[in-house]
Amino acid sequence: MNVTPREFEYMKEHITKCLISMLMEREKLSLRDAFDIVYNSSTFSKLSDPETGLYFQSPGYVYSYLETERGERTL
């Protein structure tokens, strides 16, 4: 399914907002820390690439990628 650049940006921004909110709620992080985690993650890089199709997934699904990535960094 093809989306316009504007639709892609909207979908990416929606998921990003949800990821930040989920981090703040679930991990009791500050807004600044949640922003840093999301925007500096490889998950966000993948979300920003329309070729991955990650922007079509639910925020919860994308959050699971972020959780896995963060878990790998702490090992």
PDB file of N, CA and C in Angstrom:
ATOM      1  N   MET A   1       0.835  -1.172   0.000  1.00  0.00           N
ATOM      2  CA  MET A   1       0.000   0.000   0.000  1.00  0.00           C
ATOM      3  C   MET A   1       0.885   1.244   0.000  1.00  0.00           C
ATOM      4  N   ASN A   2       0.596   2.129  -0.907  1.00  0.00           N
ATOM      5  CA  ASN A   2       1.364   3.367  -0.998  1.00  0.00           C
ATOM      6  C   ASN A   2       0.697   4.463  -0.190  1.00  0.00           C
ATOM      7  N   VAL A   3       1.502   5.246   0.475  1.00  0.00           N
ATOM      8  CA  VAL A   3       1.004   6.403   1.213  1.00  0.00           C
ATOM      9  C   VAL A   3       1.769   7.628   0.730  1.00  0.00           C
ATOM     10  N   THR A   4       1.163   8.776   0.889  1.00  0.00           N
ATOM     11  CA  THR A   4       1.833  10.018   0.513  1.00  0.00           C
ATOM     12  C   THR A   4       2.880  10.348   1.571  1.00  0.00           C
ATOM     13  N   PRO A   5       3.830  11.196   1.227  1.00  0.00           N
ATOM     14  CA  PRO A   5       4.814  11.610   2.239  1.00  0.00           C
ATOM     15  C   PRO A   5       4.142  12.234   3.470  1.00  0.00           C
ATOM     16  N   ARG A   6       3.084  12.969   3.259  1.00  0.00           N
ATOM     17  CA  ARG A   6       2.376  13.586   4.379  1.00  0.00           C
ATOM     18  C   ARG A   6       1.726  12.527   5.279  1.00  0.00           C
ATOM     19  N   GLU A   7       1.127  11.513   4.663  1.00  0.00           N
ATOM     20  CA  GLU A   7       0.525  10.421   5.441  1.00  0.00           C
ATOM     21  C   GLU A   7       1.588   9.651   6.213  1.00  0.00           C
ATOM     22  N   PHE A   8       2.723   9.412   5.563  1.00  0.00           N
ATOM     23  CA  PHE A   8       3.815   8.711   6.223  1.00  0.00           C
ATOM     24  C   PHE A   8       4.281   9.486   7.456  1.00  0.00           C
ATOM     25  N   GLU A   9       4.493  10.787   7.310  1.00  0.00           N
ATOM     26  CA  GLU A   9       4.943  11.612   8.436  1.00  0.00           C
ATOM     27  C   GLU A   9       3.923  11.586   9.570  1.00  0.00           C
ATOM     28  N   TYR A  10       2.658  11.665   9.224  1.00  0.00           N
ATOM     29  CA  TYR A  10       1.613  11.623  10.252  1.00  0.00           C
ATOM     30  C   TYR A  10       1.666  10.304  11.021  1.00  0.00           C
ATOM     31  N   MET A  11       1.759   9.189  10.293  1.00  0.00           N
ATOM     32  CA  MET A  11       1.789   7.874  10.935  1.00  0.00           C
ATOM     33  C   MET A  11       3.037   7.715  11.800  1.00  0.00           C
ATOM     34  N   LYS A  12       4.179   8.176  11.298  1.00  0.00           N
ATOM     35  CA  LYS A  12       5.438   8.098  12.057  1.00  0.00           C
ATOM     36  C   LYS A  12       5.345   8.940  13.324  1.00  0.00           C
ATOM     37  N   GLU A  13       4.828  10.154  13.205  1.00  0.00           N
ATOM     38  CA  GLU A  13       4.709  11.033  14.368  1.00  0.00           C
ATOM     39  C   GLU A  13       3.739  10.478  15.403  1.00  0.00           C
ATOM     40  N   HIS A  14       2.663   9.860  14.939  1.00  0.00           N
ATOM     41  CA  HIS A  14       1.694   9.260  15.867  1.00  0.00           C
ATOM     42  C   HIS A  14       2.360   8.153  16.682  1.00  0.00           C
ATOM     43  N   ILE A  15       3.064   7.265  16.007  1.00  0.00           N
ATOM     44  CA  ILE A  15       3.725   6.162  16.715  1.00  0.00           C
ATOM     45  C   ILE A  15       4.801   6.694  17.656  1.00  0.00           C
ATOM     46  N   THR A  16       5.549   7.689  17.203  1.00  0.00           N
ATOM     47  CA  THR A  16       6.592   8.282  18.043  1.00  0.00           C
ATOM     48  C   THR A  16       5.990   8.863  19.315  1.00  0.00           C
ATOM     49  N   LYS A  17       4.893   9.587  19.176  1.00  0.00           N
ATOM     50  CA  LYS A  17       4.217  10.159  20.339  1.00  0.00           C
ATOM     51  C   LYS A  17       3.779   9.056  21.302  1.00  0.00           C
ATOM     52  N   CYS A  18       3.248   7.983  20.755  1.00  0.00           N
ATOM     53  CA  CYS A  18       2.814   6.857  21.591  1.00  0.00           C
ATOM     54  C   CYS A  18       3.991   6.198  22.300  1.00  0.00           C
ATOM     55  N   LEU A  19       5.108   6.027  21.601  1.00  0.00           N
ATOM     56  CA  LEU A  19       6.296   5.422  22.218  1.00  0.00           C
ATOM     57  C   LEU A  19       6.778   6.255  23.394  1.00  0.00           C
ATOM     58  N   ILE A  20       6.815   7.563  23.214  1.00  0.00           N
ATOM     59  CA  ILE A  20       7.256   8.452  24.287  1.00  0.00           C
ATOM     60  C   ILE A  20       6.313   8.356  25.481  1.00  0.00           C
ATOM     61  N   SER A  21       5.016   8.363  25.204  1.00  0.00           N
ATOM     62  CA  SER A  21       4.024   8.246  26.282  1.00  0.00           C
ATOM     63  C   SER A  21       4.148   6.916  27.008  1.00  0.00           C
ATOM     64  N   MET A  22       4.360   5.850  26.264  1.00  0.00           N
ATOM     65  CA  MET A  22       4.476   4.524  26.870  1.00  0.00           C
ATOM     66  C   MET A  22       5.714   4.450  27.764  1.00  0.00           C
ATOM     67  N   LEU A  23       6.819   5.005  27.309  1.00  0.00           N
ATOM     68  CA  LEU A  23       8.028   5.011  28.133  1.00  0.00           C
ATOM     69  C   LEU A  23       7.807   5.789  29.423  1.00  0.00           C
ATOM     70  N   MET A  24       7.157   6.937  29.307  1.00  0.00           N
ATOM     71  CA  MET A  24       6.909   7.755  30.491  1.00  0.00           C
ATOM     72  C   MET A  24       5.999   7.027  31.478  1.00  0.00           C
ATOM     73  N   GLU A  25       4.978   6.375  30.966  1.00  0.00           N
ATOM     74  CA  GLU A  25       4.017   5.691  31.831  1.00  0.00           C
ATOM     75  C   GLU A  25       4.582   4.408  32.417  1.00  0.00           C
ATOM     76  N   ARG A  26       5.156   3.570  31.575  1.00  0.00           N
ATOM     77  CA  ARG A  26       5.601   2.244  32.011  1.00  0.00           C
ATOM     78  C   ARG A  26       6.904   2.273  32.794  1.00  0.00           C
ATOM     79  N   GLU A  27       7.792   3.186  32.419  1.00  0.00           N
ATOM     80  CA  GLU A  27       9.107   3.208  33.060  1.00  0.00           C
ATOM     81  C   GLU A  27       9.318   4.437  33.931  1.00  0.00           C
ATOM     82  N   LYS A  28       8.268   5.228  34.058  1.00  0.00           N
ATOM     83  CA  LYS A  28       8.309   6.428  34.911  1.00  0.00           C
ATOM     84  C   LYS A  28       9.458   7.362  34.528  1.00  0.00           C
ATOM     85  N   LEU A  29       9.660   7.540  33.233  1.00  0.00           N
ATOM     86  CA  LEU A  29      10.721   8.411  32.741  1.00  0.00           C
ATOM     87  C   LEU A  29      10.200   9.831  32.556  1.00  0.00           C
ATOM     88  N   SER A  30      11.106  10.779  32.590  1.00  0.00           N
ATOM     89  CA  SER A  30      10.736  12.157  32.295  1.00  0.00           C
ATOM     90  C   SER A  30      10.507  12.288  30.787  1.00  0.00           C
ATOM     91  N   LEU A  31       9.855  13.354  30.402  1.00  0.00           N
ATOM     92  CA  LEU A  31       9.616  13.609  28.981  1.00  0.00           C
ATOM     93  C   LEU A  31      10.935  13.697  28.233  1.00  0.00           C
ATOM     94  N   ARG A  32      11.876  14.391  28.793  1.00  0.00           N
ATOM     95  CA  ARG A  32      13.185  14.557  28.148  1.00  0.00           C
ATOM     96  C   ARG A  32      13.898  13.212  27.951  1.00  0.00           C
ATOM     97  N   ASP A  33      13.894  12.372  28.985  1.00  0.00           N
ATOM     98  CA  ASP A  33      14.541  11.062  28.873  1.00  0.00           C
ATOM     99  C   ASP A  33      13.842  10.183  27.840  1.00  0.00           C
ATOM    100  N   ALA A  34      12.515  10.220  27.836  1.00  0.00           N
ATOM    101  CA  ALA A  34      11.763   9.419  26.864  1.00  0.00           C
ATOM    102  C   ALA A  34      12.055   9.892  25.441  1.00  0.00           C
ATOM    103  N   PHE A  35      12.109  11.207  25.234  1.00  0.00           N
ATOM    104  CA  PHE A  35      12.463  11.749  23.922  1.00  0.00           C
ATOM    105  C   PHE A  35      13.842  11.260  23.505  1.00  0.00           C
ATOM    106  N   ASP A  36      14.813  11.360  24.399  1.00  0.00           N
ATOM    107  CA  ASP A  36      16.182  10.938  24.096  1.00  0.00           C
ATOM    108  C   ASP A  36      16.234   9.474  23.694  1.00  0.00           C
ATOM    109  N   ILE A  37      15.555   8.637  24.449  1.00  0.00           N
ATOM    110  CA  ILE A  37      15.562   7.208  24.148  1.00  0.00           C
ATOM    111  C   ILE A  37      14.969   6.932  22.776  1.00  0.00           C
ATOM    112  N   VAL A  38      13.809   7.511  22.515  1.00  0.00           N
ATOM    113  CA  VAL A  38      13.134   7.230  21.237  1.00  0.00           C
ATOM    114  C   VAL A  38      13.940   7.770  20.066  1.00  0.00           C
ATOM    115  N   TYR A  39      14.281   9.051  20.105  1.00  0.00           N
ATOM    116  CA  TYR A  39      14.924   9.668  18.945  1.00  0.00           C
ATOM    117  C   TYR A  39      16.342   9.192  18.697  1.00  0.00           C
ATOM    118  N   ASN A  40      16.990   8.596  19.686  1.00  0.00           N
ATOM    119  CA  ASN A  40      18.348   8.074  19.508  1.00  0.00           C
ATOM    120  C   ASN A  40      18.383   6.565  19.310  1.00  0.00           C
ATOM    121  N   SER A  41      17.240   5.961  19.076  1.00  0.00           N
ATOM    122  CA  SER A  41      17.174   4.503  18.942  1.00  0.00           C
ATOM    123  C   SER A  41      17.244   4.053  17.482  1.00  0.00           C
ATOM    124  N   SER A  42      17.689   2.838  17.294  1.00  0.00           N
ATOM    125  CA  SER A  42      17.653   2.264  15.944  1.00  0.00           C
ATOM    126  C   SER A  42      16.207   1.950  15.557  1.00  0.00           C
ATOM    127  N   THR A  43      15.345   1.760  16.548  1.00  0.00           N
ATOM    128  CA  THR A  43      13.924   1.561  16.272  1.00  0.00           C
ATOM    129  C   THR A  43      13.357   2.791  15.573  1.00  0.00           C
ATOM    130  N   PHE A  44      13.710   3.986  16.047  1.00  0.00           N
ATOM    131  CA  PHE A  44      13.234   5.215  15.402  1.00  0.00           C
ATOM    132  C   PHE A  44      13.807   5.337  13.992  1.00  0.00           C
ATOM    133  N   SER A  45      15.052   4.946  13.816  1.00  0.00           N
ATOM    134  CA  SER A  45      15.647   4.972  12.474  1.00  0.00           C
ATOM    135  C   SER A  45      14.869   4.080  11.524  1.00  0.00           C
ATOM    136  N   LYS A  46      14.500   2.900  11.992  1.00  0.00           N
ATOM    137  CA  LYS A  46      13.709   1.983  11.169  1.00  0.00           C
ATOM    138  C   LYS A  46      12.316   2.542  10.919  1.00  0.00           C
ATOM    139  N   LEU A  47      11.724   3.142  11.935  1.00  0.00           N
ATOM    140  CA  LEU A  47      10.405   3.746  11.803  1.00  0.00           C
ATOM    141  C   LEU A  47      10.433   4.889  10.788  1.00  0.00           C
ATOM    142  N   SER A  48      11.547   5.583  10.699  1.00  0.00           N
ATOM    143  CA  SER A  48      11.703   6.720   9.796  1.00  0.00           C
ATOM    144  C   SER A  48      11.967   6.313   8.353  1.00  0.00           C
ATOM    145  N   ASP A  49      12.208   5.040   8.128  1.00  0.00           N
ATOM    146  CA  ASP A  49      12.461   4.529   6.781  1.00  0.00           C
ATOM    147  C   ASP A  49      11.185   3.885   6.250  1.00  0.00           C
ATOM    148  N   PRO A  50      10.534   4.517   5.280  1.00  0.00           N
ATOM    149  CA  PRO A  50       9.275   3.962   4.775  1.00  0.00           C
ATOM    150  C   PRO A  50       9.420   2.557   4.187  1.00  0.00           C
ATOM    151  N   GLU A  51      10.617   2.210   3.765  1.00  0.00           N
ATOM    152  CA  GLU A  51      10.841   0.886   3.172  1.00  0.00           C
ATOM    153  C   GLU A  51      10.638  -0.253   4.169  1.00  0.00           C
ATOM    154  N   THR A  52      10.813   0.016   5.471  1.00  0.00           N
ATOM    155  CA  THR A  52      10.661  -1.041   6.470  1.00  0.00           C
ATOM    156  C   THR A  52       9.196  -1.404   6.702  1.00  0.00           C
ATOM    157  N   GLY A  53       8.301  -0.452   6.440  1.00  0.00           N
ATOM    158  CA  GLY A  53       6.876  -0.696   6.692  1.00  0.00           C
ATOM    159  C   GLY A  53       6.515  -0.667   8.173  1.00  0.00           C
ATOM    160  N   LEU A  54       7.462  -0.322   9.029  1.00  0.00           N
ATOM    161  CA  LEU A  54       7.206  -0.322  10.468  1.00  0.00           C
ATOM    162  C   LEU A  54       6.129   0.683  10.854  1.00  0.00           C
ATOM    163  N   TYR A  55       6.001   1.742  10.088  1.00  0.00           N
ATOM    164  CA  TYR A  55       4.989   2.766  10.370  1.00  0.00           C
ATOM    165  C   TYR A  55       3.566   2.245  10.225  1.00  0.00           C
ATOM    166  N   PHE A  56       3.386   1.092   9.590  1.00  0.00           N
ATOM    167  CA  PHE A  56       2.068   0.464   9.439  1.00  0.00           C
ATOM    168  C   PHE A  56       1.676  -0.365  10.658  1.00  0.00           C
ATOM    169  N   GLN A  57       2.607  -0.597  11.568  1.00  0.00           N
ATOM    170  CA  GLN A  57       2.360  -1.452  12.725  1.00  0.00           C
ATOM    171  C   GLN A  57       1.751  -0.645  13.872  1.00  0.00           C
ATOM    172  N   SER A  58       1.233  -1.347  14.840  1.00  0.00           N
ATOM    173  CA  SER A  58       0.644  -0.680  16.006  1.00  0.00           C
ATOM    174  C   SER A  58       1.748  -0.126  16.896  1.00  0.00           C
ATOM    175  N   PRO A  59       1.430   0.917  17.678  1.00  0.00           N
ATOM    176  CA  PRO A  59       2.425   1.448  18.603  1.00  0.00           C
ATOM    177  C   PRO A  59       2.952   0.382  19.576  1.00  0.00           C
ATOM    178  N   GLY A  60       2.085  -0.509  20.029  1.00  0.00           N
ATOM    179  CA  GLY A  60       2.518  -1.564  20.936  1.00  0.00           C
ATOM    180  C   GLY A  60       3.536  -2.498  20.303  1.00  0.00           C
ATOM    181  N   TYR A  61       3.328  -2.805  19.043  1.00  0.00           N
ATOM    182  CA  TYR A  61       4.260  -3.662  18.309  1.00  0.00           C
ATOM    183  C   TYR A  61       5.614  -2.972  18.174  1.00  0.00           C
ATOM    184  N   VAL A  62       5.609  -1.692  17.815  1.00  0.00           N
ATOM    185  CA  VAL A  62       6.853  -0.941  17.663  1.00  0.00           C
ATOM    186  C   VAL A  62       7.533  -0.791  19.023  1.00  0.00           C
ATOM    187  N   TYR A  63       6.748  -0.613  20.071  1.00  0.00           N
ATOM    188  CA  TYR A  63       7.310  -0.512  21.426  1.00  0.00           C
ATOM    189  C   TYR A  63       8.061  -1.790  21.791  1.00  0.00           C
ATOM    190  N   SER A  64       7.562  -2.934  21.354  1.00  0.00           N
ATOM    191  CA  SER A  64       8.254  -4.196  21.648  1.00  0.00           C
ATOM    192  C   SER A  64       9.639  -4.219  21.004  1.00  0.00           C
ATOM    193  N   TYR A  65       9.778  -3.620  19.828  1.00  0.00           N
ATOM    194  CA  TYR A  65      11.094  -3.492  19.194  1.00  0.00           C
ATOM    195  C   TYR A  65      12.009  -2.620  20.049  1.00  0.00           C
ATOM    196  N   LEU A  66      11.456  -1.513  20.531  1.00  0.00           N
ATOM    197  CA  LEU A  66      12.232  -0.603  21.358  1.00  0.00           C
ATOM    198  C   LEU A  66      12.658  -1.279  22.661  1.00  0.00           C
ATOM    199  N   GLU A  67      11.765  -2.043  23.263  1.00  0.00           N
ATOM    200  CA  GLU A  67      12.101  -2.776  24.496  1.00  0.00           C
ATOM    201  C   GLU A  67      13.240  -3.762  24.245  1.00  0.00           C
ATOM    202  N   THR A  68      13.154  -4.485  23.144  1.00  0.00           N
ATOM    203  CA  THR A  68      14.195  -5.451  22.808  1.00  0.00           C
ATOM    204  C   THR A  68      15.525  -4.745  22.593  1.00  0.00           C
ATOM    205  N   GLU A  69      15.486  -3.641  21.856  1.00  0.00           N
ATOM    206  CA  GLU A  69      16.718  -2.876  21.608  1.00  0.00           C
ATOM    207  C   GLU A  69      17.311  -2.382  22.922  1.00  0.00           C
ATOM    208  N   ARG A  70      16.504  -1.868  23.798  1.00  0.00           N
ATOM    209  CA  ARG A  70      17.007  -1.352  25.074  1.00  0.00           C
ATOM    210  C   ARG A  70      17.547  -2.483  25.944  1.00  0.00           C
ATOM    211  N   GLY A  71      16.917  -3.641  25.905  1.00  0.00           N
ATOM    212  CA  GLY A  71      17.393  -4.788  26.669  1.00  0.00           C
ATOM    213  C   GLY A  71      18.748  -5.261  26.192  1.00  0.00           C
ATOM    214  N   GLU A  72      18.971  -5.189  24.873  1.00  0.00           N
ATOM    215  CA  GLU A  72      20.253  -5.597  24.311  1.00  0.00           C
ATOM    216  C   GLU A  72      21.361  -4.643  24.710  1.00  0.00           C
ATOM    217  N   ARG A  73      21.045  -3.385  24.916  1.00  0.00           N
ATOM    218  CA  ARG A  73      22.058  -2.403  25.291  1.00  0.00           C
ATOM    219  C   ARG A  73      22.505  -2.570  26.732  1.00  0.00           C
ATOM    220  N   THR A  74      21.636  -3.148  27.575  1.00  0.00           N
ATOM    221  CA  THR A  74      21.989  -3.288  28.984  1.00  0.00           C
ATOM    222  C   THR A  74      22.748  -4.574  29.270  1.00  0.00           C
ATOM    223  N   LEU A  75      22.837  -5.460  28.296  1.00  0.00           N
ATOM    224  CA  LEU A  75      23.559  -6.727  28.507  1.00  0.00           C
ATOM    225  C   LEU A  75      25.054  -6.534  28.490  1.00  0.00           C
TER     226      LEU A  75
END
